[in-house]
Amino acid sequence: MREDVITITLGLPEFRVLKVKESCHLIEVWVEKITTFEACPGCGYFSNQEYDERWDDIWDQPVWDKGVLIWVRKRRFSCMHLLCSYYQQNKPFAQLYGSFGPNDRRTYRFDRYIYRLAKQMAHTDVVKELAVCHTPLSDNTVGRIYHRLGQEELAGYEPGRLAAIGIDEYSVWRGHRYATIITDPVRQRIIETFLGRDKETVVAHLRALFPPKSIKLAVMDMHGGYENAVLTAFPGAKIIIDKFHVVAVVMDALDATRKRVQRERTKTQGRRIFKLRKLLRKARQDLDDDGQAHLATILAQEPDLQTAYQFKEDFRDWYRLTIPEQAK
């Protein structure tokens, strides 16, 4: 038994390592995604009905002057929802990955490694440096990576290294079960979807998807389970309640006031207030002159409704503020 052996983590938590083979110049790693199902892009239903699979090679950042080649078991699934176009056309859909894009031949972190080298040396020297590690790369590829990541760095983020996530729920199977969706709010893409929304399930997926302490911000609704799950997985992360859900609560309060006032009036007066519901929900600046005049006439006779409407408009104005001191 060899004694000069150490164990290191792969550092790609979405994968399970199946086998490792090391030769003089290359480390090969066979992996599969931990989750064995995927959401259909056509209908959102989850499926674990495997259509086919294949092994694809993805180059990763070198280790100890050895190239690292990851063999990924890529699965495709069949949708089992009878009304879905994917089911009707027998159209498969593939698993999604957070470590590399659908058609990428390199991990995100390998691209970042190449970018760091390209900022320090000529592109041809980057190629030579990686050739020592027996990792094939061309000058043109280095140039494309340098240009793309340079532009993204100027935009304020690094691809493949998230500091913020979005997390939300949605219903599946006619509302009897719920699923969770995790998104990248910067690039506006889906990272992962999975069944369930309880704390234990969410924490397990977050820890499998992201390195410890990597997530600094999480955007979500006011569902307490998600906040507790994020703070358990990433202590100290900041929680941001997204604007849509907050405004929805304000709108619900305005509707509740309208309905109460409507019930307290005569049938004719109540019908007139009922017809105001769309005007009340619109932003004041989006109303034409006739709409503003009609709304103002009725609100002048209904002080409670006028107060609720003004609170709603004040809240919209607060969201439009761009200076933190003013917002406070």
C-alpha atoms as a PDB file:
ATOM      1  CA  MET A   1       0.000   0.000   0.000  1.00  0.00           C
ATOM      2  CA  ARG A   2       1.366   3.442  -0.964  1.00  0.00           C
ATOM      3  CA  GLU A   3       2.199   5.801   1.882  1.00  0.00           C
ATOM      4  CA  ASP A   4       2.635   9.037  -0.147  1.00  0.00           C
ATOM      5  CA  VAL A   5      -1.124   9.577  -0.578  1.00  0.00           C
ATOM      6  CA  ILE A   6      -3.401  12.406   0.533  1.00  0.00           C
ATOM      7  CA  THR A   7      -7.108  12.945  -0.034  1.00  0.00           C
ATOM      8  CA  ILE A   8      -8.563  16.240  -1.315  1.00  0.00           C
ATOM      9  CA  THR A   9     -12.153  17.187  -2.080  1.00  0.00           C
ATOM     10  CA  LEU A  10     -13.275  17.697  -5.654  1.00  0.00           C
ATOM     11  CA  GLY A  11     -14.871  21.002  -4.650  1.00  0.00           C
ATOM     12  CA  LEU A  12     -17.889  20.561  -6.946  1.00  0.00           C
ATOM     13  CA  PRO A  13     -20.608  19.769  -4.387  1.00  0.00           C
ATOM     14  CA  GLU A  14     -23.353  19.015  -6.892  1.00  0.00           C
ATOM     15  CA  PHE A  15     -21.526  15.811  -7.885  1.00  0.00           C
ATOM     16  CA  ARG A  16     -20.891  12.419  -6.326  1.00  0.00           C
ATOM     17  CA  VAL A  17     -17.450  10.982  -7.112  1.00  0.00           C
ATOM     18  CA  LEU A  18     -17.663   7.431  -8.457  1.00  0.00           C
ATOM     19  CA  LYS A  19     -14.056   6.650  -9.360  1.00  0.00           C
ATOM     20  CA  VAL A  20     -10.649   8.292  -9.578  1.00  0.00           C
ATOM     21  CA  LYS A  21      -7.699   7.228 -11.743  1.00  0.00           C
ATOM     22  CA  GLU A  22      -4.270   8.865 -11.600  1.00  0.00           C
ATOM     23  CA  SER A  23      -1.479   8.428 -14.141  1.00  0.00           C
ATOM     24  CA  CYS A  24       1.837  10.207 -14.668  1.00  0.00           C
ATOM     25  CA  HIS A  25       0.283  13.234 -16.374  1.00  0.00           C
ATOM     26  CA  LEU A  26      -3.457  13.059 -15.751  1.00  0.00           C
ATOM     27  CA  ILE A  27      -6.043  12.721 -12.996  1.00  0.00           C
ATOM     28  CA  GLU A  28      -9.385  11.375 -14.231  1.00  0.00           C
ATOM     29  CA  VAL A  29     -12.496  11.598 -12.092  1.00  0.00           C
ATOM     30  CA  TRP A  30     -15.845   9.948 -12.855  1.00  0.00           C
ATOM     31  CA  VAL A  31     -18.848  11.751 -11.336  1.00  0.00           C
ATOM     32  CA  GLU A  32     -22.627  11.867 -11.429  1.00  0.00           C
ATOM     33  CA  LYS A  33     -25.057  14.510 -10.214  1.00  0.00           C
ATOM     34  CA  ILE A  34     -26.381  13.859  -6.723  1.00  0.00           C
ATOM     35  CA  THR A  35     -29.995  14.611  -7.683  1.00  0.00           C
ATOM     36  CA  THR A  36     -31.530  11.988  -9.955  1.00  0.00           C
ATOM     37  CA  PHE A  37     -34.445  14.012 -11.325  1.00  0.00           C
ATOM     38  CA  GLU A  38     -34.993  17.239 -13.244  1.00  0.00           C
ATOM     39  CA  ALA A  39     -37.837  19.663 -13.872  1.00  0.00           C
ATOM     40  CA  CYS A  40     -39.293  19.544 -17.370  1.00  0.00           C
ATOM     41  CA  PRO A  41     -38.744  22.908 -19.119  1.00  0.00           C
ATOM     42  CA  GLY A  42     -42.116  22.503 -20.828  1.00  0.00           C
ATOM     43  CA  CYS A  43     -44.409  22.095 -17.823  1.00  0.00           C
ATOM     44  CA  GLY A  44     -42.267  22.266 -14.658  1.00  0.00           C
ATOM     45  CA  TYR A  45     -43.171  18.733 -13.540  1.00  0.00           C
ATOM     46  CA  PHE A  46     -40.328  16.706 -12.058  1.00  0.00           C
ATOM     47  CA  SER A  47     -39.291  13.480 -13.714  1.00  0.00           C
ATOM     48  CA  ASN A  48     -36.850  10.737 -12.845  1.00  0.00           C
ATOM     49  CA  GLN A  49     -37.785   8.741 -15.948  1.00  0.00           C
ATOM     50  CA  GLU A  50     -34.407   8.414 -17.641  1.00  0.00           C
ATOM     51  CA  TYR A  51     -34.423   8.712 -21.424  1.00  0.00           C
ATOM     52  CA  ASP A  52     -30.719   8.044 -22.012  1.00  0.00           C
ATOM     53  CA  GLU A  53     -27.281   8.885 -20.669  1.00  0.00           C
ATOM     54  CA  ARG A  54     -23.750   9.437 -21.902  1.00  0.00           C
ATOM     55  CA  TRP A  55     -20.338  10.222 -20.477  1.00  0.00           C
ATOM     56  CA  ASP A  56     -18.889  13.626 -21.372  1.00  0.00           C
ATOM     57  CA  ASP A  57     -15.380  14.843 -20.594  1.00  0.00           C
ATOM     58  CA  ILE A  58     -14.976  18.248 -18.914  1.00  0.00           C
ATOM     59  CA  TRP A  59     -11.546  19.752 -18.254  1.00  0.00           C
ATOM     60  CA  ASP A  60     -10.954  21.154 -14.777  1.00  0.00           C
ATOM     61  CA  GLN A  61      -8.227  23.212 -13.121  1.00  0.00           C
ATOM     62  CA  PRO A  62      -4.876  21.325 -12.976  1.00  0.00           C
ATOM     63  CA  VAL A  63      -3.605  19.841  -9.719  1.00  0.00           C
ATOM     64  CA  TRP A  64       0.136  19.450  -9.009  1.00  0.00           C
ATOM     65  CA  ASP A  65       1.074  19.979 -12.667  1.00  0.00           C
ATOM     66  CA  LYS A  66      -1.330  17.257 -13.732  1.00  0.00           C
ATOM     67  CA  GLY A  67      -4.328  17.794 -15.936  1.00  0.00           C
ATOM     68  CA  VAL A  68      -7.730  17.034 -14.386  1.00  0.00           C
ATOM     69  CA  LEU A  69     -10.334  15.460 -16.642  1.00  0.00           C
ATOM     70  CA  ILE A  70     -13.809  14.981 -15.199  1.00  0.00           C
ATOM     71  CA  TRP A  71     -16.042  12.369 -16.807  1.00  0.00           C
ATOM     72  CA  VAL A  72     -19.650  13.423 -16.162  1.00  0.00           C
ATOM     73  CA  ARG A  73     -22.568  11.047 -16.443  1.00  0.00           C
ATOM     74  CA  LYS A  74     -25.046  13.260 -18.281  1.00  0.00           C
ATOM     75  CA  ARG A  75     -28.627  12.078 -18.077  1.00  0.00           C
ATOM     76  CA  ARG A  76     -31.622  13.059 -20.163  1.00  0.00           C
ATOM     77  CA  PHE A  77     -35.160  12.546 -18.922  1.00  0.00           C
ATOM     78  CA  SER A  78     -38.619  12.010 -20.382  1.00  0.00           C
ATOM     79  CA  CYS A  79     -41.565  14.097 -19.195  1.00  0.00           C
ATOM     80  CA  MET A  80     -44.417  11.993 -17.798  1.00  0.00           C
ATOM     81  CA  HIS A  81     -47.059  14.746 -17.784  1.00  0.00           C
ATOM     82  CA  LEU A  82     -49.639  13.782 -20.404  1.00  0.00           C
ATOM     83  CA  LEU A  83     -50.559  17.349 -21.356  1.00  0.00           C
ATOM     84  CA  CYS A  84     -46.981  18.547 -21.816  1.00  0.00           C
ATOM     85  CA  SER A  85     -45.629  19.158 -25.319  1.00  0.00           C
ATOM     86  CA  TYR A  86     -42.385  17.406 -24.335  1.00  0.00           C
ATOM     87  CA  TYR A  87     -44.382  14.260 -23.503  1.00  0.00           C
ATOM     88  CA  GLN A  88     -46.521  14.464 -26.634  1.00  0.00           C
ATOM     89  CA  GLN A  89     -43.449  14.892 -28.873  1.00  0.00           C
ATOM     90  CA  ASN A  90     -41.375  12.357 -26.916  1.00  0.00           C
ATOM     91  CA  LYS A  91     -38.817  15.136 -26.508  1.00  0.00           C
ATOM     92  CA  PRO A  92     -36.156  14.525 -23.829  1.00  0.00           C
ATOM     93  CA  PHE A  93     -34.586  17.204 -21.629  1.00  0.00           C
ATOM     94  CA  ALA A  94     -31.174  17.232 -19.988  1.00  0.00           C
ATOM     95  CA  GLN A  95     -29.932  17.729 -16.446  1.00  0.00           C
ATOM     96  CA  LEU A  96     -28.643  21.207 -15.623  1.00  0.00           C
ATOM     97  CA  TYR A  97     -25.346  21.852 -13.859  1.00  0.00           C
ATOM     98  CA  GLY A  98     -24.023  24.680 -11.720  1.00  0.00           C
ATOM     99  CA  SER A  99     -20.336  23.914 -12.377  1.00  0.00           C
ATOM    100  CA  PHE A 100     -20.395  24.402 -16.167  1.00  0.00           C
ATOM    101  CA  GLY A 101     -22.766  25.403 -18.954  1.00  0.00           C
ATOM    102  CA  PRO A 102     -24.777  23.021 -21.187  1.00  0.00           C
ATOM    103  CA  ASN A 103     -22.230  22.988 -24.031  1.00  0.00           C
ATOM    104  CA  ASP A 104     -19.065  23.827 -22.082  1.00  0.00           C
ATOM    105  CA  ARG A 105     -15.943  21.669 -22.220  1.00  0.00           C
ATOM    106  CA  ARG A 106     -14.419  23.310 -19.132  1.00  0.00           C
ATOM    107  CA  THR A 107     -15.636  24.041 -15.606  1.00  0.00           C
ATOM    108  CA  TYR A 108     -16.282  27.638 -14.610  1.00  0.00           C
ATOM    109  CA  ARG A 109     -13.416  27.526 -12.146  1.00  0.00           C
ATOM    110  CA  PHE A 110     -11.004  26.350 -14.853  1.00  0.00           C
ATOM    111  CA  ASP A 111     -12.045  29.333 -16.983  1.00  0.00           C
ATOM    112  CA  ARG A 112     -11.368  31.619 -14.008  1.00  0.00           C
ATOM    113  CA  TYR A 113      -7.946  29.989 -13.575  1.00  0.00           C
ATOM    114  CA  ILE A 114      -7.151  30.617 -17.267  1.00  0.00           C
ATOM    115  CA  TYR A 115      -8.348  34.213 -16.919  1.00  0.00           C
ATOM    116  CA  ARG A 116      -6.051  34.838 -13.948  1.00  0.00           C
ATOM    117  CA  LEU A 117      -3.091  33.461 -15.907  1.00  0.00           C
ATOM    118  CA  ALA A 118      -4.019  35.562 -18.968  1.00  0.00           C
ATOM    119  CA  LYS A 119      -3.917  38.731 -16.870  1.00  0.00           C
ATOM    120  CA  GLN A 120      -0.306  37.943 -15.940  1.00  0.00           C
ATOM    121  CA  MET A 121       1.183  36.639 -19.196  1.00  0.00           C
ATOM    122  CA  ALA A 122       0.720  36.462 -22.954  1.00  0.00           C
ATOM    123  CA  HIS A 123      -1.902  34.100 -24.310  1.00  0.00           C
ATOM    124  CA  THR A 124       0.745  31.894 -25.946  1.00  0.00           C
ATOM    125  CA  ASP A 125       2.474  31.610 -22.557  1.00  0.00           C
ATOM    126  CA  VAL A 126      -0.802  30.513 -20.971  1.00  0.00           C
ATOM    127  CA  VAL A 127      -1.021  27.738 -23.555  1.00  0.00           C
ATOM    128  CA  LYS A 128       2.568  26.680 -22.745  1.00  0.00           C
ATOM    129  CA  GLU A 129       1.878  26.784 -19.007  1.00  0.00           C
ATOM    130  CA  LEU A 130      -1.111  24.474 -19.383  1.00  0.00           C
ATOM    131  CA  ALA A 131       0.788  22.231 -21.800  1.00  0.00           C
ATOM    132  CA  VAL A 132       3.134  21.457 -18.898  1.00  0.00           C
ATOM    133  CA  CYS A 133       0.047  20.146 -17.106  1.00  0.00           C
ATOM    134  CA  HIS A 134      -0.914  18.146 -20.241  1.00  0.00           C
ATOM    135  CA  THR A 135      -4.089  20.209 -20.612  1.00  0.00           C
ATOM    136  CA  PRO A 136      -4.908  21.063 -24.255  1.00  0.00           C
ATOM    137  CA  LEU A 137      -5.835  24.669 -25.045  1.00  0.00           C
ATOM    138  CA  SER A 138      -5.442  27.034 -28.009  1.00  0.00           C
ATOM    139  CA  ASP A 139      -4.483  30.713 -28.222  1.00  0.00           C
ATOM    140  CA  ASN A 140      -7.937  31.546 -29.583  1.00  0.00           C
ATOM    141  CA  THR A 141      -9.663  29.834 -26.653  1.00  0.00           C
ATOM    142  CA  VAL A 142      -7.557  31.768 -24.165  1.00  0.00           C
ATOM    143  CA  GLY A 143      -8.417  34.998 -26.001  1.00  0.00           C
ATOM    144  CA  ARG A 144     -12.160  34.287 -25.899  1.00  0.00           C
ATOM    145  CA  ILE A 145     -12.055  33.444 -22.188  1.00  0.00           C
ATOM    146  CA  TYR A 146     -10.008  36.553 -21.414  1.00  0.00           C
ATOM    147  CA  HIS A 147     -12.405  38.825 -23.313  1.00  0.00           C
ATOM    148  CA  ARG A 148     -15.577  37.263 -21.900  1.00  0.00           C
ATOM    149  CA  LEU A 149     -14.508  37.142 -18.260  1.00  0.00           C
ATOM    150  CA  GLY A 150     -12.931  40.574 -18.544  1.00  0.00           C
ATOM    151  CA  GLN A 151     -16.270  42.019 -19.618  1.00  0.00           C
ATOM    152  CA  GLU A 152     -18.066  40.138 -16.854  1.00  0.00           C
ATOM    153  CA  GLU A 153     -15.566  41.298 -14.269  1.00  0.00           C
ATOM    154  CA  LEU A 154     -16.224  44.880 -15.321  1.00  0.00           C
ATOM    155  CA  ALA A 155     -19.916  44.179 -14.857  1.00  0.00           C
ATOM    156  CA  GLY A 156     -19.180  43.293 -11.241  1.00  0.00           C
ATOM    157  CA  TYR A 157     -19.326  39.517 -10.949  1.00  0.00           C
ATOM    158  CA  GLU A 158     -17.468  36.334 -11.746  1.00  0.00           C
ATOM    159  CA  PRO A 159     -19.353  33.570 -13.594  1.00  0.00           C
ATOM    160  CA  GLY A 160     -19.605  30.288 -11.785  1.00  0.00           C
ATOM    161  CA  ARG A 161     -18.867  31.915  -8.409  1.00  0.00           C
ATOM    162  CA  LEU A 162     -22.143  33.121  -6.984  1.00  0.00           C
ATOM    163  CA  ALA A 163     -22.373  35.470  -4.036  1.00  0.00           C
ATOM    164  CA  ALA A 164     -26.172  35.808  -4.299  1.00  0.00           C
ATOM    165  CA  ILE A 165     -29.027  33.424  -4.959  1.00  0.00           C
ATOM    166  CA  GLY A 166     -32.760  33.711  -5.409  1.00  0.00           C
ATOM    167  CA  ILE A 167     -35.025  31.114  -3.816  1.00  0.00           C
ATOM    168  CA  ASP A 168     -38.762  30.632  -4.239  1.00  0.00           C
ATOM    169  CA  GLU A 169     -41.467  27.984  -4.258  1.00  0.00           C
ATOM    170  CA  TYR A 170     -44.000  26.860  -6.833  1.00  0.00           C
ATOM    171  CA  SER A 171     -46.722  24.221  -6.876  1.00  0.00           C
ATOM    172  CA  VAL A 172     -46.563  21.022  -8.902  1.00  0.00           C
ATOM    173  CA  TRP A 173     -49.089  18.294  -9.574  1.00  0.00           C
ATOM    174  CA  ARG A 174     -52.188  20.476  -9.320  1.00  0.00           C
ATOM    175  CA  GLY A 175     -51.001  22.250  -6.200  1.00  0.00           C
ATOM    176  CA  HIS A 176     -50.844  19.179  -3.968  1.00  0.00           C
ATOM    177  CA  ARG A 177     -47.059  19.298  -3.693  1.00  0.00           C
ATOM    178  CA  TYR A 178     -44.530  22.109  -3.672  1.00  0.00           C
ATOM    179  CA  ALA A 179     -41.104  22.465  -5.211  1.00  0.00           C
ATOM    180  CA  THR A 180     -38.246  24.889  -4.650  1.00  0.00           C
ATOM    181  CA  ILE A 181     -36.386  26.786  -7.355  1.00  0.00           C
ATOM    182  CA  ILE A 182     -32.919  28.306  -6.842  1.00  0.00           C
ATOM    183  CA  THR A 183     -31.807  30.970  -9.307  1.00  0.00           C
ATOM    184  CA  ASP A 184     -28.841  33.160 -10.151  1.00  0.00           C
ATOM    185  CA  PRO A 185     -30.292  36.707  -9.893  1.00  0.00           C
ATOM    186  CA  VAL A 186     -27.274  38.251 -11.652  1.00  0.00           C
ATOM    187  CA  ARG A 187     -27.368  36.195 -14.845  1.00  0.00           C
ATOM    188  CA  GLN A 188     -31.097  35.499 -14.451  1.00  0.00           C
ATOM    189  CA  ARG A 189     -30.905  31.752 -14.889  1.00  0.00           C
ATOM    190  CA  ILE A 190     -32.157  28.672 -13.052  1.00  0.00           C
ATOM    191  CA  ILE A 191     -29.531  26.833 -11.017  1.00  0.00           C
ATOM    192  CA  GLU A 192     -31.561  23.991  -9.524  1.00  0.00           C
ATOM    193  CA  THR A 193     -35.108  22.836  -8.892  1.00  0.00           C
ATOM    194  CA  PHE A 194     -36.155  20.118  -6.469  1.00  0.00           C
ATOM    195  CA  LEU A 195     -39.233  18.758  -4.731  1.00  0.00           C
ATOM    196  CA  GLY A 196     -40.044  20.010  -1.245  1.00  0.00           C
ATOM    197  CA  ARG A 197     -39.677  23.277   0.648  1.00  0.00           C
ATOM    198  CA  ASP A 198     -39.059  22.159   4.229  1.00  0.00           C
ATOM    199  CA  LYS A 199     -35.949  23.384   5.999  1.00  0.00           C
ATOM    200  CA  GLU A 200     -34.061  20.073   6.022  1.00  0.00           C
ATOM    201  CA  THR A 201     -34.530  19.497   2.290  1.00  0.00           C
ATOM    202  CA  VAL A 202     -33.535  23.054   1.357  1.00  0.00           C
ATOM    203  CA  VAL A 203     -30.451  23.033   3.602  1.00  0.00           C
ATOM    204  CA  ALA A 204     -29.279  19.724   2.113  1.00  0.00           C
ATOM    205  CA  HIS A 205     -29.548  21.064  -1.448  1.00  0.00           C
ATOM    206  CA  LEU A 206     -27.893  24.397  -0.632  1.00  0.00           C
ATOM    207  CA  ARG A 207     -24.941  22.633   0.967  1.00  0.00           C
ATOM    208  CA  ALA A 208     -24.656  20.277  -1.983  1.00  0.00           C
ATOM    209  CA  LEU A 209     -24.754  23.105  -4.535  1.00  0.00           C
ATOM    210  CA  PHE A 210     -22.510  25.776  -3.022  1.00  0.00           C
ATOM    211  CA  PRO A 211     -19.227  25.830  -1.096  1.00  0.00           C
ATOM    212  CA  PRO A 212     -19.372  26.861   2.598  1.00  0.00           C
ATOM    213  CA  LYS A 213     -19.539  30.630   3.240  1.00  0.00           C
ATOM    214  CA  SER A 214     -19.897  31.333  -0.507  1.00  0.00           C
ATOM    215  CA  ILE A 215     -23.404  32.807  -0.445  1.00  0.00           C
ATOM    216  CA  LYS A 216     -23.591  36.330   0.992  1.00  0.00           C
ATOM    217  CA  LEU A 217     -27.087  37.383  -0.155  1.00  0.00           C
ATOM    218  CA  ALA A 218     -30.338  35.482  -0.618  1.00  0.00           C
ATOM    219  CA  VAL A 219     -33.419  36.980  -2.283  1.00  0.00           C
ATOM    220  CA  MET A 220     -36.704  35.346  -1.307  1.00  0.00           C
ATOM    221  CA  ASP A 221     -40.309  35.780  -0.258  1.00  0.00           C
ATOM    222  CA  MET A 222     -41.446  35.981   3.359  1.00  0.00           C
ATOM    223  CA  HIS A 223     -41.700  32.199   3.832  1.00  0.00           C
ATOM    224  CA  GLY A 224     -39.855  31.649   7.116  1.00  0.00           C
ATOM    225  CA  GLY A 225     -38.606  28.201   6.149  1.00  0.00           C
ATOM    226  CA  TYR A 226     -36.373  29.577   3.416  1.00  0.00           C
ATOM    227  CA  GLU A 227     -34.817  32.209   5.671  1.00  0.00           C
ATOM    228  CA  ASN A 228     -34.027  29.626   8.347  1.00  0.00           C
ATOM    229  CA  ALA A 229     -32.637  27.229   5.753  1.00  0.00           C
ATOM    230  CA  VAL A 230     -30.342  29.830   4.166  1.00  0.00           C
ATOM    231  CA  LEU A 231     -29.028  31.039   7.521  1.00  0.00           C
ATOM    232  CA  THR A 232     -28.396  27.452   8.602  1.00  0.00           C
ATOM    233  CA  ALA A 233     -26.459  26.690   5.413  1.00  0.00           C
ATOM    234  CA  PHE A 234     -24.730  30.101   5.228  1.00  0.00           C
ATOM    235  CA  PRO A 235     -24.583  31.803   8.646  1.00  0.00           C
ATOM    236  CA  GLY A 236     -24.316  35.557   8.338  1.00  0.00           C
ATOM    237  CA  ALA A 237     -25.874  35.766   4.864  1.00  0.00           C
ATOM    238  CA  LYS A 238     -28.100  38.795   4.297  1.00  0.00           C
ATOM    239  CA  ILE A 239     -31.745  38.110   3.543  1.00  0.00           C
ATOM    240  CA  ILE A 240     -33.470  40.334   0.980  1.00  0.00           C
ATOM    241  CA  ILE A 241     -37.240  40.153   0.605  1.00  0.00           C
ATOM    242  CA  ASP A 242     -37.901  40.675  -3.069  1.00  0.00           C
ATOM    243  CA  LYS A 243     -39.999  43.647  -4.107  1.00  0.00           C
ATOM    244  CA  PHE A 244     -42.742  41.622  -5.807  1.00  0.00           C
ATOM    245  CA  HIS A 245     -43.749  39.819  -2.610  1.00  0.00           C
ATOM    246  CA  VAL A 246     -43.618  42.930  -0.444  1.00  0.00           C
ATOM    247  CA  VAL A 247     -45.736  44.967  -2.855  1.00  0.00           C
ATOM    248  CA  ALA A 248     -48.186  42.044  -3.033  1.00  0.00           C
ATOM    249  CA  VAL A 249     -48.787  42.338   0.724  1.00  0.00           C
ATOM    250  CA  VAL A 250     -49.451  46.076   0.383  1.00  0.00           C
ATOM    251  CA  MET A 251     -51.870  45.404  -2.487  1.00  0.00           C
ATOM    252  CA  ASP A 252     -53.683  42.764  -0.407  1.00  0.00           C
ATOM    253  CA  ALA A 253     -54.088  45.294   2.410  1.00  0.00           C
ATOM    254  CA  LEU A 254     -55.489  47.870  -0.018  1.00  0.00           C
ATOM    255  CA  ASP A 255     -57.935  45.273  -1.400  1.00  0.00           C
ATOM    256  CA  ALA A 256     -59.018  44.318   2.118  1.00  0.00           C
ATOM    257  CA  THR A 257     -59.817  47.980   2.870  1.00  0.00           C
ATOM    258  CA  ARG A 258     -61.749  48.336  -0.385  1.00  0.00           C
ATOM    259  CA  LYS A 259     -63.815  45.228   0.360  1.00  0.00           C
ATOM    260  CA  ARG A 260     -64.593  46.400   3.901  1.00  0.00           C
ATOM    261  CA  VAL A 261     -65.695  49.847   2.702  1.00  0.00           C
ATOM    262  CA  GLN A 262     -67.667  48.241  -0.116  1.00  0.00           C
ATOM    263  CA  ARG A 263     -69.631  46.051   2.346  1.00  0.00           C
ATOM    264  CA  GLU A 264     -70.462  49.056   4.528  1.00  0.00           C
ATOM    265  CA  ARG A 265     -72.142  50.957   1.690  1.00  0.00           C
ATOM    266  CA  THR A 266     -75.438  50.528  -0.137  1.00  0.00           C
ATOM    267  CA  LYS A 267     -75.575  48.126  -3.050  1.00  0.00           C
ATOM    268  CA  THR A 268     -75.274  50.950  -5.603  1.00  0.00           C
ATOM    269  CA  GLN A 269     -72.406  52.626  -3.756  1.00  0.00           C
ATOM    270  CA  GLY A 270     -70.694  49.270  -3.238  1.00  0.00           C
ATOM    271  CA  ARG A 271     -70.860  48.486  -6.965  1.00  0.00           C
ATOM    272  CA  ARG A 272     -69.273  51.853  -7.745  1.00  0.00           C
ATOM    273  CA  ILE A 273     -66.396  51.119  -5.317  1.00  0.00           C
ATOM    274  CA  PHE A 274     -66.021  47.598  -6.723  1.00  0.00           C
ATOM    275  CA  LYS A 275     -65.437  49.046 -10.196  1.00  0.00           C
ATOM    276  CA  LEU A 276     -62.516  51.040  -8.792  1.00  0.00           C
ATOM    277  CA  ARG A 277     -60.423  47.926  -8.013  1.00  0.00           C
ATOM    278  CA  LYS A 278     -58.236  48.118 -11.167  1.00  0.00           C
ATOM    279  CA  LEU A 279     -57.675  51.859 -10.869  1.00  0.00           C
ATOM    280  CA  LEU A 280     -56.680  51.462  -7.212  1.00  0.00           C
ATOM    281  CA  ARG A 281     -54.028  48.860  -8.022  1.00  0.00           C
ATOM    282  CA  LYS A 282     -52.430  50.886 -10.810  1.00  0.00           C
ATOM    283  CA  ALA A 283     -49.642  53.324 -10.062  1.00  0.00           C
ATOM    284  CA  ARG A 284     -50.922  56.884 -10.082  1.00  0.00           C
ATOM    285  CA  GLN A 285     -48.554  57.940 -12.879  1.00  0.00           C
ATOM    286  CA  ASP A 286     -49.921  55.145 -15.088  1.00  0.00           C
ATOM    287  CA  LEU A 287     -53.471  56.510 -15.007  1.00  0.00           C
ATOM    288  CA  ASP A 288     -54.703  58.849 -17.730  1.00  0.00           C
ATOM    289  CA  ASP A 289     -56.366  62.163 -16.857  1.00  0.00           C
ATOM    290  CA  ASP A 290     -59.883  60.684 -16.872  1.00  0.00           C
ATOM    291  CA  GLY A 291     -58.821  57.808 -14.615  1.00  0.00           C
ATOM    292  CA  GLN A 292     -57.157  60.131 -12.115  1.00  0.00           C
ATOM    293  CA  ALA A 293     -60.163  62.448 -12.041  1.00  0.00           C
ATOM    294  CA  HIS A 294     -62.652  59.581 -11.554  1.00  0.00           C
ATOM    295  CA  LEU A 295     -60.547  58.036  -8.783  1.00  0.00           C
ATOM    296  CA  ALA A 296     -60.064  61.349  -6.990  1.00  0.00           C
ATOM    297  CA  THR A 297     -63.819  62.072  -7.036  1.00  0.00           C
ATOM    298  CA  ILE A 298     -64.753  58.812  -5.305  1.00  0.00           C
ATOM    299  CA  LEU A 299     -61.805  58.749  -2.889  1.00  0.00           C
ATOM    300  CA  ALA A 300     -62.769  62.232  -1.695  1.00  0.00           C
ATOM    301  CA  GLN A 301     -65.978  60.642  -0.375  1.00  0.00           C
ATOM    302  CA  GLU A 302     -64.231  57.604   1.184  1.00  0.00           C
ATOM    303  CA  PRO A 303     -61.533  58.732   3.673  1.00  0.00           C
ATOM    304  CA  ASP A 304     -60.497  55.197   4.758  1.00  0.00           C
ATOM    305  CA  LEU A 305     -60.025  54.067   1.184  1.00  0.00           C
ATOM    306  CA  GLN A 306     -58.227  57.295   0.320  1.00  0.00           C
ATOM    307  CA  THR A 307     -55.784  56.749   3.225  1.00  0.00           C
ATOM    308  CA  ALA A 308     -55.084  53.146   2.160  1.00  0.00           C
ATOM    309  CA  TYR A 309     -54.527  54.240  -1.438  1.00  0.00           C
ATOM    310  CA  GLN A 310     -52.145  56.999  -0.350  1.00  0.00           C
ATOM    311  CA  PHE A 311     -50.153  54.520   1.762  1.00  0.00           C
ATOM    312  CA  LYS A 312     -49.813  52.311  -1.306  1.00  0.00           C
ATOM    313  CA  GLU A 313     -48.578  55.202  -3.444  1.00  0.00           C
ATOM    314  CA  ASP A 314     -46.168  56.351  -0.719  1.00  0.00           C
ATOM    315  CA  PHE A 315     -44.769  52.842  -0.600  1.00  0.00           C
ATOM    316  CA  ARG A 316     -44.199  52.838  -4.364  1.00  0.00           C
ATOM    317  CA  ASP A 317     -42.429  56.180  -4.055  1.00  0.00           C
ATOM    318  CA  TRP A 318     -40.197  54.728  -1.320  1.00  0.00           C
ATOM    319  CA  TYR A 319     -39.129  51.866  -3.611  1.00  0.00           C
ATOM    320  CA  ARG A 320     -38.122  54.371  -6.281  1.00  0.00           C
ATOM    321  CA  LEU A 321     -35.651  56.111  -3.976  1.00  0.00           C
ATOM    322  CA  THR A 322     -32.016  55.581  -4.942  1.00  0.00           C
ATOM    323  CA  ILE A 323     -30.237  57.211  -1.980  1.00  0.00           C
ATOM    324  CA  PRO A 324     -30.077  54.940   1.132  1.00  0.00           C
ATOM    325  CA  GLU A 325     -30.166  57.867   3.563  1.00  0.00           C
ATOM    326  CA  GLN A 326     -33.425  59.095   2.050  1.00  0.00           C
ATOM    327  CA  ALA A 327     -34.904  55.610   2.148  1.00  0.00           C
ATOM    328  CA  LYS A 328     -34.064  55.283   5.858  1.00  0.00           C
END
